[in-house]
Amino acid sequence: MDFKKIDAPVNTITFDRNKVDDPTGNIYEAISVIAKRATQINGEIKKELLEKLDEFATYNDSLDEIFENKEQIEVSKFYERLPKPQALAIQEWLEDKIYFRNTKDTEE
């Protein structure tokens, strides 16, 4: 999924609790699902960022020399400006893009 195209807020905003817990009927269950999705998103973004930064990496044996790579700085700034993973997860949750199932229902 392309996280750069999701229209999630960059700043903290307040959501209507009834809209958040509407799919599950339980606010704690909804928050648990959102938190797990935020963890997945964070892992995906981190992996993508490390892959892009690895392209610009220069390996030196000398600790005295520090190179400033402008492309690497621009990539880092771009990822810093992205919405936080929890904001992306909440946006996906409110747009019904997250599939979840209750394992207690399937066991019974």
C-alpha atoms as a PDB file:
ATOM      1  CA  MET A   1       0.000   0.000   0.000  1.00  0.00           C
ATOM      2  CA  ASP A   2       1.260   3.458  -0.813  1.00  0.00           C
ATOM      3  CA  PHE A   3       1.227   5.407   2.451  1.00  0.00           C
ATOM      4  CA  LYS A   4       2.170   8.627   0.713  1.00  0.00           C
ATOM      5  CA  LYS A   5      -1.252   8.845  -0.957  1.00  0.00           C
ATOM      6  CA  ILE A   6      -3.396   8.338   2.156  1.00  0.00           C
ATOM      7  CA  ASP A   7      -5.035  11.533   3.303  1.00  0.00           C
ATOM      8  CA  ALA A   8      -4.304  11.124   7.010  1.00  0.00           C
ATOM      9  CA  PRO A   9      -3.827  14.155   9.259  1.00  0.00           C
ATOM     10  CA  VAL A  10      -0.269  15.095  10.187  1.00  0.00           C
ATOM     11  CA  ASN A  11      -1.354  16.782  13.416  1.00  0.00           C
ATOM     12  CA  THR A  12      -3.239  15.247  16.300  1.00  0.00           C
ATOM     13  CA  ILE A  13      -7.011  15.483  15.959  1.00  0.00           C
ATOM     14  CA  THR A  14      -9.961  14.224  17.979  1.00  0.00           C
ATOM     15  CA  PHE A  15     -12.140  11.472  16.539  1.00  0.00           C
ATOM     16  CA  ASP A  16     -15.721  10.655  17.440  1.00  0.00           C
ATOM     17  CA  ARG A  17     -15.572   7.621  19.715  1.00  0.00           C
ATOM     18  CA  ASN A  18     -18.788   6.228  18.254  1.00  0.00           C
ATOM     19  CA  LYS A  19     -17.292   6.179  14.754  1.00  0.00           C
ATOM     20  CA  VAL A  20     -14.147   4.444  15.999  1.00  0.00           C
ATOM     21  CA  ASP A  21     -15.884   1.643  17.886  1.00  0.00           C
ATOM     22  CA  ASP A  22     -18.769   1.240  15.436  1.00  0.00           C
ATOM     23  CA  PRO A  23     -17.327  -1.769  13.485  1.00  0.00           C
ATOM     24  CA  THR A  24     -16.591  -3.796  16.635  1.00  0.00           C
ATOM     25  CA  GLY A  25     -19.007  -2.397  19.195  1.00  0.00           C
ATOM     26  CA  ASN A  26     -16.139  -2.271  21.680  1.00  0.00           C
ATOM     27  CA  ILE A  27     -13.700   0.652  21.897  1.00  0.00           C
ATOM     28  CA  TYR A  28     -10.929  -1.496  23.399  1.00  0.00           C
ATOM     29  CA  GLU A  29     -11.172  -4.036  20.609  1.00  0.00           C
ATOM     30  CA  ALA A  30     -11.119  -1.264  17.992  1.00  0.00           C
ATOM     31  CA  ILE A  31      -8.058   0.342  19.565  1.00  0.00           C
ATOM     32  CA  SER A  32      -6.324  -3.036  19.694  1.00  0.00           C
ATOM     33  CA  VAL A  33      -6.922  -3.603  15.969  1.00  0.00           C
ATOM     34  CA  ILE A  34      -5.766  -0.062  15.144  1.00  0.00           C
ATOM     35  CA  ALA A  35      -2.626  -0.480  17.274  1.00  0.00           C
ATOM     36  CA  LYS A  36      -1.708  -3.741  15.549  1.00  0.00           C
ATOM     37  CA  ARG A  37      -2.181  -2.136  12.136  1.00  0.00           C
ATOM     38  CA  ALA A  38      -0.070   0.873  13.203  1.00  0.00           C
ATOM     39  CA  THR A  39       2.719  -1.529  14.186  1.00  0.00           C
ATOM     40  CA  GLN A  40       2.521  -3.161  10.745  1.00  0.00           C
ATOM     41  CA  ILE A  41       2.589   0.212   8.994  1.00  0.00           C
ATOM     42  CA  ASN A  42       5.550   1.346  11.084  1.00  0.00           C
ATOM     43  CA  GLY A  43       7.494  -1.779  10.113  1.00  0.00           C
ATOM     44  CA  GLU A  44       6.735  -1.292   6.427  1.00  0.00           C
ATOM     45  CA  ILE A  45       7.737   2.380   6.469  1.00  0.00           C
ATOM     46  CA  LYS A  46      10.916   1.625   8.408  1.00  0.00           C
ATOM     47  CA  LYS A  47      11.886  -1.130   5.969  1.00  0.00           C
ATOM     48  CA  GLU A  48      11.257   1.139   2.975  1.00  0.00           C
ATOM     49  CA  LEU A  49      13.246   3.994   4.543  1.00  0.00           C
ATOM     50  CA  LEU A  50      16.220   1.782   5.374  1.00  0.00           C
ATOM     51  CA  GLU A  51      16.260   0.405   1.824  1.00  0.00           C
ATOM     52  CA  LYS A  52      16.328   3.914   0.368  1.00  0.00           C
ATOM     53  CA  LEU A  53      18.980   5.148   2.808  1.00  0.00           C
ATOM     54  CA  ASP A  54      21.105   2.093   2.119  1.00  0.00           C
ATOM     55  CA  GLU A  55      21.418   3.234  -1.517  1.00  0.00           C
ATOM     56  CA  PHE A  56      23.236   6.372  -0.372  1.00  0.00           C
ATOM     57  CA  ALA A  57      25.399   4.746   2.284  1.00  0.00           C
ATOM     58  CA  THR A  58      29.137   5.219   2.096  1.00  0.00           C
ATOM     59  CA  TYR A  59      31.286   2.854   4.090  1.00  0.00           C
ATOM     60  CA  ASN A  60      34.509   4.209   5.587  1.00  0.00           C
ATOM     61  CA  ASP A  61      36.941   2.747   8.060  1.00  0.00           C
ATOM     62  CA  SER A  62      37.741   6.204   9.384  1.00  0.00           C
ATOM     63  CA  LEU A  63      35.485   7.598  12.095  1.00  0.00           C
ATOM     64  CA  ASP A  64      36.873  11.100  11.631  1.00  0.00           C
ATOM     65  CA  GLU A  65      35.374  11.647   8.207  1.00  0.00           C
ATOM     66  CA  ILE A  66      31.658  12.382   8.097  1.00  0.00           C
ATOM     67  CA  PHE A  67      30.075  12.980   4.739  1.00  0.00           C
ATOM     68  CA  GLU A  68      26.909  14.990   4.336  1.00  0.00           C
ATOM     69  CA  ASN A  69      24.818  13.464   1.608  1.00  0.00           C
ATOM     70  CA  LYS A  70      22.089  15.843   0.430  1.00  0.00           C
ATOM     71  CA  GLU A  71      19.987  13.094  -1.171  1.00  0.00           C
ATOM     72  CA  GLN A  72      20.022  11.118   2.063  1.00  0.00           C
ATOM     73  CA  ILE A  73      18.934  14.198   4.010  1.00  0.00           C
ATOM     74  CA  GLU A  74      16.065  14.855   1.573  1.00  0.00           C
ATOM     75  CA  VAL A  75      14.828  11.260   1.850  1.00  0.00           C
ATOM     76  CA  SER A  76      14.938  11.476   5.645  1.00  0.00           C
ATOM     77  CA  LYS A  77      13.043  14.778   5.666  1.00  0.00           C
ATOM     78  CA  PHE A  78      10.383  13.337   3.360  1.00  0.00           C
ATOM     79  CA  TYR A  79       9.742  10.431   5.703  1.00  0.00           C
ATOM     80  CA  GLU A  80       9.683  12.754   8.711  1.00  0.00           C
ATOM     81  CA  ARG A  81       6.872  14.759   7.068  1.00  0.00           C
ATOM     82  CA  LEU A  82       4.672  11.688   6.513  1.00  0.00           C
ATOM     83  CA  PRO A  83       1.739  11.185   8.896  1.00  0.00           C
ATOM     84  CA  LYS A  84       2.503   8.992  11.884  1.00  0.00           C
ATOM     85  CA  PRO A  85       1.645   5.272  11.629  1.00  0.00           C
ATOM     86  CA  GLN A  86      -1.179   5.565  14.166  1.00  0.00           C
ATOM     87  CA  ALA A  87      -2.786   8.351  12.103  1.00  0.00           C
ATOM     88  CA  LEU A  88      -2.542   6.199   8.977  1.00  0.00           C
ATOM     89  CA  ALA A  89      -4.036   3.219  10.825  1.00  0.00           C
ATOM     90  CA  ILE A  90      -6.959   5.257  12.182  1.00  0.00           C
ATOM     91  CA  GLN A  91      -7.642   6.658   8.712  1.00  0.00           C
ATOM     92  CA  GLU A  92      -7.675   3.142   7.254  1.00  0.00           C
ATOM     93  CA  TRP A  93      -9.959   1.991  10.094  1.00  0.00           C
ATOM     94  CA  LEU A  94     -12.461   4.785   9.515  1.00  0.00           C
ATOM     95  CA  GLU A  95     -12.494   4.066   5.768  1.00  0.00           C
ATOM     96  CA  ASP A  96     -13.116   0.314   6.390  1.00  0.00           C
ATOM     97  CA  LYS A  97      -9.851  -0.703   4.726  1.00  0.00           C
ATOM     98  CA  ILE A  98      -8.722  -2.955   7.602  1.00  0.00           C
ATOM     99  CA  TYR A  99      -9.857  -6.556   7.673  1.00  0.00           C
ATOM    100  CA  PHE A 100     -10.154  -8.033  11.146  1.00  0.00           C
ATOM    101  CA  ARG A 101     -11.826 -11.004  12.730  1.00  0.00           C
ATOM    102  CA  ASN A 102     -12.594 -11.957  16.271  1.00  0.00           C
ATOM    103  CA  THR A 103     -10.974 -15.311  17.062  1.00  0.00           C
ATOM    104  CA  LYS A 104     -13.358 -15.902  19.971  1.00  0.00           C
ATOM    105  CA  ASP A 105     -16.282 -16.006  17.539  1.00  0.00           C
ATOM    106  CA  THR A 106     -14.575 -18.617  15.331  1.00  0.00           C
ATOM    107  CA  GLU A 107     -13.631 -20.865  18.289  1.00  0.00           C
ATOM    108  CA  GLU A 108     -17.204 -21.139  19.538  1.00  0.00           C
END
